């Protein structure tokens, strides 16, 4: 409806369309991810295994540093918060990633993840 669309646009302009996450007792505002931020985070999350839910997907990551870097990209647009996020728990980082990706369409996230894997496979294959 027009009313809902107007509210969404107003919230975006006012910066009310994001969420707040807690990592190690500190609050961080997570804006809706841009394509650039999703691509940055996907770089760090490229080793993810197949999963049925977002939580399974993020929990399957073996390297907390990569998860912290990905979350930093989604929060700040760069890796500057990664070391700070390393002080948090894997549950906080996983929840933060869930929240951040939840601000984007889940369907688009899975499509982007599949695309990132395909691109990685194409660039990693040797030419004969």
Protein backbone atom coordinates (compact mmCIF):
# COMPACT_ATOMS: atom_id res chain seq x y z
CA UNK A 1 0.00 0.00 0.00
CA UNK A 2 1.03 3.62 -0.38
CA UNK A 3 1.01 4.14 3.37
CA UNK A 4 3.40 1.23 3.96
CA UNK A 5 5.69 2.32 1.10
CA UNK A 6 5.75 5.87 2.46
CA UNK A 7 6.67 4.59 5.92
CA UNK A 8 9.48 2.43 4.51
CA UNK A 9 10.94 5.34 2.54
CA UNK A 10 10.70 7.67 5.54
CA UNK A 11 12.35 5.09 7.81
CA UNK A 12 15.19 4.67 5.31
CA UNK A 13 15.78 8.41 5.11
CA UNK A 14 15.76 8.73 8.91
CA UNK A 15 18.00 5.70 9.38
CA UNK A 16 15.30 3.77 11.23
CA UNK A 17 15.32 0.81 8.89
CA UNK A 18 18.26 -1.00 10.48
CA UNK A 19 18.67 -3.08 13.63
CA UNK A 20 20.87 -2.97 16.69
CA UNK A 21 23.04 -5.94 17.66
CA UNK A 22 25.06 -6.59 20.81
CA UNK A 23 28.60 -7.96 20.70
CA UNK A 24 30.60 -8.25 23.91
CA UNK A 25 28.18 -5.92 25.72
CA UNK A 26 28.44 -3.15 23.12
CA UNK A 27 25.61 -2.08 20.80
CA UNK A 28 26.19 -1.69 17.06
CA UNK A 29 23.73 -0.28 14.54
CA UNK A 30 23.38 -2.45 11.44
CA UNK A 31 21.95 -0.63 8.43
CA UNK A 32 20.28 -2.61 5.65
CA UNK A 33 23.11 -4.10 3.60
CA UNK A 34 24.02 -2.64 0.24
CA UNK A 35 25.15 -4.83 -2.63
CA UNK A 36 28.71 -3.68 -1.96
CA UNK A 37 28.54 -4.68 1.72
CA UNK A 38 26.99 -8.05 0.88
CA UNK A 39 29.75 -8.67 -1.67
CA UNK A 40 32.42 -7.71 0.89
CA UNK A 41 30.93 -10.01 3.52
CA UNK A 42 30.53 -12.81 0.97
CA UNK A 43 34.27 -12.65 0.32
CA UNK A 44 34.85 -13.72 3.92
CA UNK A 45 31.97 -16.19 3.96
CA UNK A 46 32.92 -17.91 0.69
CA UNK A 47 33.92 -21.14 2.44
CA UNK A 48 30.42 -21.70 3.83
CA UNK A 49 28.91 -25.13 3.53
CA UNK A 50 25.40 -25.90 2.32
CA UNK A 51 22.77 -25.44 5.03
CA UNK A 52 19.00 -25.35 5.45
CA UNK A 53 18.80 -22.26 7.66
CA UNK A 54 20.78 -19.06 8.10
CA UNK A 55 21.81 -20.17 11.61
CA UNK A 56 23.14 -23.51 10.28
CA UNK A 57 24.96 -21.65 7.54
CA UNK A 58 26.73 -19.24 9.87
CA UNK A 59 27.33 -21.84 12.58
CA UNK A 60 29.10 -24.08 10.06
CA UNK A 61 31.89 -21.54 9.66
CA UNK A 62 35.10 -22.80 11.19
CA UNK A 63 36.97 -19.50 11.32
CA UNK A 64 35.54 -16.91 13.71
CA UNK A 65 37.93 -14.29 12.25
CA UNK A 66 36.23 -14.61 8.85
CA UNK A 67 32.81 -14.31 10.46
CA UNK A 68 33.92 -11.22 12.41
CA UNK A 69 35.34 -9.65 9.23
CA UNK A 70 32.09 -10.37 7.38
CA UNK A 71 30.02 -8.83 10.18
CA UNK A 72 32.31 -5.79 10.26
CA UNK A 73 31.76 -5.31 6.51
CA UNK A 74 28.00 -5.41 7.02
CA UNK A 75 28.08 -2.99 9.97
CA UNK A 76 30.79 -0.54 8.94
CA UNK A 77 31.57 -1.26 5.27
CA UNK A 78 35.12 -2.42 6.01
CA UNK A 79 37.04 -4.80 8.29
CA UNK A 80 37.83 -2.18 10.96
CA UNK A 81 35.54 -3.74 13.59
CA UNK A 82 36.74 -7.35 13.09
CA UNK A 83 39.22 -7.33 15.97
CA UNK A 84 36.63 -5.75 18.26
CA UNK A 85 34.09 -8.41 17.27
CA UNK A 86 36.66 -11.13 18.10
CA UNK A 87 35.99 -10.27 21.76
CA UNK A 88 32.39 -11.48 21.36
CA UNK A 89 31.02 -15.01 21.31
CA UNK A 90 30.32 -17.08 18.21
CA UNK A 91 26.63 -16.87 19.15
CA UNK A 92 26.76 -13.06 19.12
CA UNK A 93 28.56 -13.02 15.77
CA UNK A 94 26.16 -15.58 14.30
CA UNK A 95 23.16 -13.61 15.55
CA UNK A 96 24.66 -10.39 14.20
CA UNK A 97 25.13 -11.97 10.76
CA UNK A 98 21.56 -13.29 10.88
CA UNK A 99 20.22 -9.85 11.74
CA UNK A 100 22.30 -8.14 9.05
CA UNK A 101 21.31 -10.58 6.32
CA UNK A 102 17.74 -10.56 7.63
CA UNK A 103 17.57 -6.91 6.59
CA UNK A 104 18.00 -8.09 3.00
CA UNK A 105 15.89 -10.59 1.17
CA UNK A 106 16.84 -14.15 2.18
CA UNK A 107 16.15 -15.34 -1.35
CA UNK A 108 18.57 -12.78 -2.74
CA UNK A 109 21.20 -13.79 -0.16
CA UNK A 110 21.06 -17.44 -1.22
CA UNK A 111 21.25 -16.43 -4.88
CA UNK A 112 24.26 -14.22 -4.14
CA UNK A 113 25.95 -17.02 -2.16
CA UNK A 114 25.46 -19.46 -5.03
CA UNK A 115 26.74 -16.88 -7.51
CA UNK A 116 29.81 -16.19 -5.34
CA UNK A 117 30.60 -19.91 -5.20
CA UNK A 118 30.20 -20.24 -8.97
CA UNK A 119 32.47 -17.26 -9.60
CA UNK A 120 35.05 -18.68 -7.18
CA UNK A 121 34.93 -22.03 -8.97
CA UNK A 122 35.35 -20.39 -12.38
CA UNK A 123 38.28 -18.25 -11.32
CA UNK A 124 39.99 -21.09 -9.46
CA UNK A 125 39.90 -23.60 -12.34
CA UNK A 126 42.99 -23.91 -14.44
CA UNK A 127 42.73 -23.32 -18.15
CA UNK A 128 43.81 -26.25 -20.24
